[in-house]
N, C-alpha and C. Protein backbone atom coordinates (compact mmCIF):
# COMPACT_ATOMS: atom_id res chain seq x y z
N UNK A 1 0.85 -1.17 0.00
CA UNK A 1 0.00 0.00 0.00
C UNK A 1 0.90 1.24 0.00
N UNK A 2 0.60 2.19 -0.88
CA UNK A 2 1.41 3.40 -0.96
C UNK A 2 1.02 4.37 0.15
N UNK A 3 1.97 5.19 0.59
CA UNK A 3 1.67 6.14 1.67
C UNK A 3 0.64 7.17 1.20
N UNK A 4 -0.11 7.71 2.16
CA UNK A 4 -1.07 8.74 1.83
C UNK A 4 -0.33 10.00 1.39
N UNK A 5 -0.79 10.60 0.34
CA UNK A 5 -0.16 11.79 -0.22
C UNK A 5 -0.70 13.05 0.44
N UNK A 6 0.18 14.02 0.67
CA UNK A 6 -0.23 15.31 1.20
C UNK A 6 -0.31 16.27 0.02
N UNK A 7 -1.51 16.46 -0.47
CA UNK A 7 -1.71 17.29 -1.66
C UNK A 7 -2.35 18.64 -1.33
N UNK A 8 -2.17 19.07 -0.08
CA UNK A 8 -2.68 20.40 0.28
C UNK A 8 -1.88 21.47 -0.47
N UNK A 9 -2.53 22.63 -0.67
CA UNK A 9 -1.79 23.71 -1.32
C UNK A 9 -0.48 24.00 -0.59
N UNK A 10 0.54 24.33 -1.32
CA UNK A 10 0.61 24.61 -2.75
C UNK A 10 1.08 23.42 -3.59
N UNK A 11 0.72 22.19 -3.18
CA UNK A 11 1.20 21.00 -3.86
C UNK A 11 0.99 21.05 -5.38
N UNK A 12 -0.24 21.33 -5.83
CA UNK A 12 -0.53 21.31 -7.27
C UNK A 12 0.34 22.32 -8.02
N UNK A 13 0.52 23.49 -7.42
CA UNK A 13 1.34 24.52 -8.07
C UNK A 13 2.81 24.09 -8.13
N UNK A 14 3.28 23.47 -7.05
CA UNK A 14 4.67 23.00 -7.02
C UNK A 14 4.87 21.93 -8.09
N UNK A 15 3.96 20.98 -8.16
CA UNK A 15 4.12 19.92 -9.16
C UNK A 15 4.07 20.49 -10.58
N UNK A 16 3.24 21.50 -10.78
CA UNK A 16 3.18 22.16 -12.09
C UNK A 16 4.53 22.79 -12.44
N UNK A 17 5.16 23.44 -11.46
CA UNK A 17 6.48 24.05 -11.67
C UNK A 17 7.51 22.96 -11.99
N UNK A 18 7.52 21.90 -11.18
CA UNK A 18 8.49 20.83 -11.42
C UNK A 18 8.27 20.20 -12.80
N UNK A 19 7.03 19.99 -13.18
CA UNK A 19 6.76 19.40 -14.49
C UNK A 19 7.21 20.34 -15.61
N UNK A 20 7.01 21.63 -15.42
CA UNK A 20 7.43 22.60 -16.45
C UNK A 20 8.95 22.64 -16.57
N UNK A 21 9.64 22.57 -15.44
CA UNK A 21 11.11 22.58 -15.46
C UNK A 21 11.66 21.22 -15.85
N UNK A 22 10.93 20.15 -15.51
CA UNK A 22 11.36 18.77 -15.78
C UNK A 22 12.86 18.60 -15.51
N UNK A 23 13.26 18.86 -14.25
CA UNK A 23 14.69 18.93 -13.92
C UNK A 23 15.51 17.70 -14.32
N UNK A 24 14.94 16.53 -14.19
CA UNK A 24 15.70 15.33 -14.52
C UNK A 24 15.42 14.84 -15.94
N UNK A 25 14.59 15.56 -16.68
CA UNK A 25 14.27 15.16 -18.05
C UNK A 25 13.42 13.91 -18.13
N UNK A 26 12.76 13.56 -17.03
CA UNK A 26 11.99 12.31 -16.98
C UNK A 26 10.69 12.40 -17.77
N UNK A 27 10.02 13.54 -17.70
CA UNK A 27 8.77 13.68 -18.45
C UNK A 27 9.05 13.68 -19.94
N UNK A 28 10.13 14.34 -20.33
CA UNK A 28 10.52 14.37 -21.74
C UNK A 28 10.86 12.96 -22.24
N UNK A 29 11.28 12.11 -21.32
CA UNK A 29 11.62 10.73 -21.68
C UNK A 29 10.41 9.80 -21.61
N UNK A 30 9.22 10.36 -21.30
CA UNK A 30 8.01 9.55 -21.30
C UNK A 30 7.46 9.16 -19.95
N UNK A 31 8.03 9.68 -18.86
CA UNK A 31 7.51 9.38 -17.52
C UNK A 31 6.12 10.01 -17.36
N UNK A 32 5.31 9.46 -16.47
CA UNK A 32 3.97 10.01 -16.25
C UNK A 32 4.02 11.38 -15.56
N UNK A 33 2.92 12.13 -15.69
CA UNK A 33 2.85 13.48 -15.13
C UNK A 33 3.04 13.53 -13.62
N UNK A 34 2.85 12.40 -12.93
CA UNK A 34 3.01 12.41 -11.48
C UNK A 34 4.42 12.00 -11.04
N UNK A 35 5.35 11.97 -11.95
CA UNK A 35 6.72 11.53 -11.67
C UNK A 35 7.36 12.30 -10.51
N UNK A 36 7.10 13.59 -10.42
CA UNK A 36 7.76 14.40 -9.40
C UNK A 36 6.89 14.59 -8.14
N UNK A 37 5.93 13.71 -7.92
CA UNK A 37 5.04 13.84 -6.76
C UNK A 37 5.79 13.85 -5.43
N UNK A 38 6.71 12.92 -5.15
CA UNK A 38 7.39 12.97 -3.86
C UNK A 38 8.17 14.27 -3.65
N UNK A 39 8.83 14.73 -4.68
CA UNK A 39 9.58 15.97 -4.58
C UNK A 39 8.64 17.15 -4.39
N UNK A 40 7.51 17.13 -5.10
CA UNK A 40 6.51 18.20 -4.96
C UNK A 40 5.97 18.25 -3.54
N UNK A 41 5.72 17.09 -2.95
CA UNK A 41 5.25 17.06 -1.56
C UNK A 41 6.31 17.66 -0.63
N UNK A 42 7.54 17.34 -0.87
CA UNK A 42 8.65 17.84 -0.04
C UNK A 42 8.72 19.37 -0.13
N UNK A 43 8.75 19.89 -1.34
CA UNK A 43 8.81 21.35 -1.52
C UNK A 43 7.57 22.03 -0.96
N UNK A 44 6.38 21.46 -1.21
CA UNK A 44 5.13 22.06 -0.72
C UNK A 44 5.12 22.11 0.80
N UNK A 45 5.61 21.07 1.44
CA UNK A 45 5.68 21.05 2.90
C UNK A 45 6.57 22.19 3.41
N UNK A 46 7.70 22.36 2.78
CA UNK A 46 8.62 23.44 3.18
C UNK A 46 7.97 24.81 2.96
N UNK A 47 7.26 24.96 1.85
CA UNK A 47 6.60 26.22 1.57
C UNK A 47 5.49 26.49 2.59
N UNK A 48 4.71 25.48 2.96
CA UNK A 48 3.66 25.65 3.97
C UNK A 48 4.24 26.11 5.30
N UNK A 49 5.47 25.68 5.58
CA UNK A 49 6.15 26.08 6.83
C UNK A 49 6.79 27.46 6.71
N UNK A 50 6.71 28.06 5.53
CA UNK A 50 7.28 29.39 5.32
C UNK A 50 8.76 29.38 5.03
N UNK A 51 9.32 28.20 4.76
CA UNK A 51 10.75 28.10 4.48
C UNK A 51 11.06 28.63 3.09
N UNK A 52 12.05 29.50 2.97
CA UNK A 52 12.45 29.96 1.65
C UNK A 52 13.03 28.79 0.84
N UNK A 53 12.77 28.80 -0.43
CA UNK A 53 13.35 27.79 -1.32
C UNK A 53 14.54 28.43 -2.01
N UNK A 54 15.70 27.94 -1.68
CA UNK A 54 16.96 28.45 -2.22
C UNK A 54 17.60 27.38 -3.09
N UNK A 55 18.68 27.75 -3.72
CA UNK A 55 19.44 26.77 -4.50
C UNK A 55 19.81 25.56 -3.63
N UNK A 56 20.26 25.82 -2.41
CA UNK A 56 20.66 24.71 -1.54
C UNK A 56 19.48 23.83 -1.16
N UNK A 57 18.31 24.40 -0.98
CA UNK A 57 17.12 23.59 -0.69
C UNK A 57 16.79 22.70 -1.88
N UNK A 58 16.88 23.26 -3.09
CA UNK A 58 16.64 22.45 -4.29
C UNK A 58 17.61 21.27 -4.32
N UNK A 59 18.87 21.54 -4.07
CA UNK A 59 19.89 20.48 -4.05
C UNK A 59 19.57 19.45 -2.97
N UNK A 60 19.24 19.92 -1.77
CA UNK A 60 18.94 19.01 -0.66
C UNK A 60 17.76 18.10 -0.98
N UNK A 61 16.69 18.69 -1.50
CA UNK A 61 15.50 17.88 -1.83
C UNK A 61 15.83 16.89 -2.94
N UNK A 62 16.52 17.39 -3.95
CA UNK A 62 16.84 16.50 -5.07
C UNK A 62 17.72 15.34 -4.62
N UNK A 63 18.72 15.61 -3.84
CA UNK A 63 19.61 14.54 -3.38
C UNK A 63 18.89 13.60 -2.41
N UNK A 64 17.92 14.11 -1.67
CA UNK A 64 17.15 13.23 -0.78
C UNK A 64 16.41 12.17 -1.59
N UNK A 65 15.82 12.58 -2.71
CA UNK A 65 14.99 11.67 -3.49
C UNK A 65 15.76 10.90 -4.56
N UNK A 66 16.83 11.49 -5.08
CA UNK A 66 17.55 10.85 -6.18
C UNK A 66 18.97 10.43 -5.83
N UNK A 67 19.41 10.75 -4.63
CA UNK A 67 20.76 10.37 -4.21
C UNK A 67 21.76 11.50 -4.43
N UNK A 68 22.90 11.39 -3.75
CA UNK A 68 23.90 12.47 -3.79
C UNK A 68 24.58 12.62 -5.15
N UNK A 69 24.48 11.65 -5.99
CA UNK A 69 25.09 11.76 -7.31
C UNK A 69 24.05 11.99 -8.39
N UNK A 70 22.97 12.66 -8.00
CA UNK A 70 21.88 12.93 -8.92
C UNK A 70 22.38 13.62 -10.18
N UNK A 71 21.99 13.13 -11.31
CA UNK A 71 22.40 13.73 -12.57
C UNK A 71 22.00 15.18 -12.68
N UNK A 72 20.79 15.51 -12.22
CA UNK A 72 20.32 16.90 -12.33
C UNK A 72 21.23 17.83 -11.54
N UNK A 73 21.49 17.50 -10.30
CA UNK A 73 22.32 18.37 -9.46
C UNK A 73 23.74 18.46 -10.03
N UNK A 74 24.23 17.37 -10.55
CA UNK A 74 25.59 17.36 -11.10
C UNK A 74 25.69 18.14 -12.40
N UNK A 75 24.62 18.11 -13.21
CA UNK A 75 24.67 18.72 -14.54
C UNK A 75 24.05 20.11 -14.61
N UNK A 76 23.19 20.45 -13.65
CA UNK A 76 22.51 21.74 -13.68
C UNK A 76 23.50 22.87 -13.44
N UNK A 77 23.27 23.97 -14.13
CA UNK A 77 24.08 25.15 -13.89
C UNK A 77 23.55 25.85 -12.64
N UNK A 78 24.35 26.69 -12.02
CA UNK A 78 23.83 27.47 -10.89
C UNK A 78 22.58 28.27 -11.30
N UNK A 79 22.56 28.74 -12.53
CA UNK A 79 21.41 29.50 -13.03
C UNK A 79 20.16 28.62 -13.10
N UNK A 80 20.32 27.35 -13.54
CA UNK A 80 19.18 26.42 -13.59
C UNK A 80 18.63 26.20 -12.18
N UNK A 81 19.52 25.96 -11.23
CA UNK A 81 19.11 25.72 -9.85
C UNK A 81 18.45 26.97 -9.26
N UNK A 82 19.03 28.13 -9.53
CA UNK A 82 18.46 29.38 -9.02
C UNK A 82 17.10 29.67 -9.64
N UNK A 83 16.94 29.37 -10.91
CA UNK A 83 15.67 29.59 -11.59
C UNK A 83 14.57 28.72 -10.98
N UNK A 84 14.87 27.45 -10.78
CA UNK A 84 13.89 26.55 -10.18
C UNK A 84 13.58 27.00 -8.75
N UNK A 85 14.60 27.34 -7.99
CA UNK A 85 14.41 27.80 -6.61
C UNK A 85 13.53 29.06 -6.57
N UNK A 86 13.81 30.01 -7.42
CA UNK A 86 13.06 31.27 -7.43
C UNK A 86 11.60 31.04 -7.82
N UNK A 87 11.38 30.19 -8.79
CA UNK A 87 10.01 29.90 -9.22
C UNK A 87 9.23 29.22 -8.10
N UNK A 88 9.88 28.28 -7.43
CA UNK A 88 9.21 27.61 -6.30
C UNK A 88 9.01 28.58 -5.14
N UNK A 89 10.02 29.38 -4.85
CA UNK A 89 9.92 30.31 -3.72
C UNK A 89 8.81 31.32 -3.93
N UNK A 90 8.53 31.67 -5.15
CA UNK A 90 7.45 32.63 -5.44
C UNK A 90 6.09 32.09 -5.02
N UNK A 91 5.98 30.79 -4.78
CA UNK A 91 4.72 30.20 -4.35
C UNK A 91 4.51 30.36 -2.83
N UNK A 92 5.52 30.82 -2.14
CA UNK A 92 5.44 30.97 -0.68
C UNK A 92 4.48 32.05 -0.31
């Protein structure tokens, strides 16, 4: 049985941002639209708590779900990470 999902706001908006950025290129490779659900829950939880989303938070969340050698974190430019962080932080 899968764990119960926390889809309270701003979950839908966060997942929309992650899908638009498709940081790991998974959606472009054919993954389903809910591919980034665990990460979206993580970011949404932080946003509900009023935590700013920074480049380091993006890295921390990504490495939590994909491991410390995540391709996205390794290949993303600082600008890519900052762009995703700023877009997510704007949902706060």
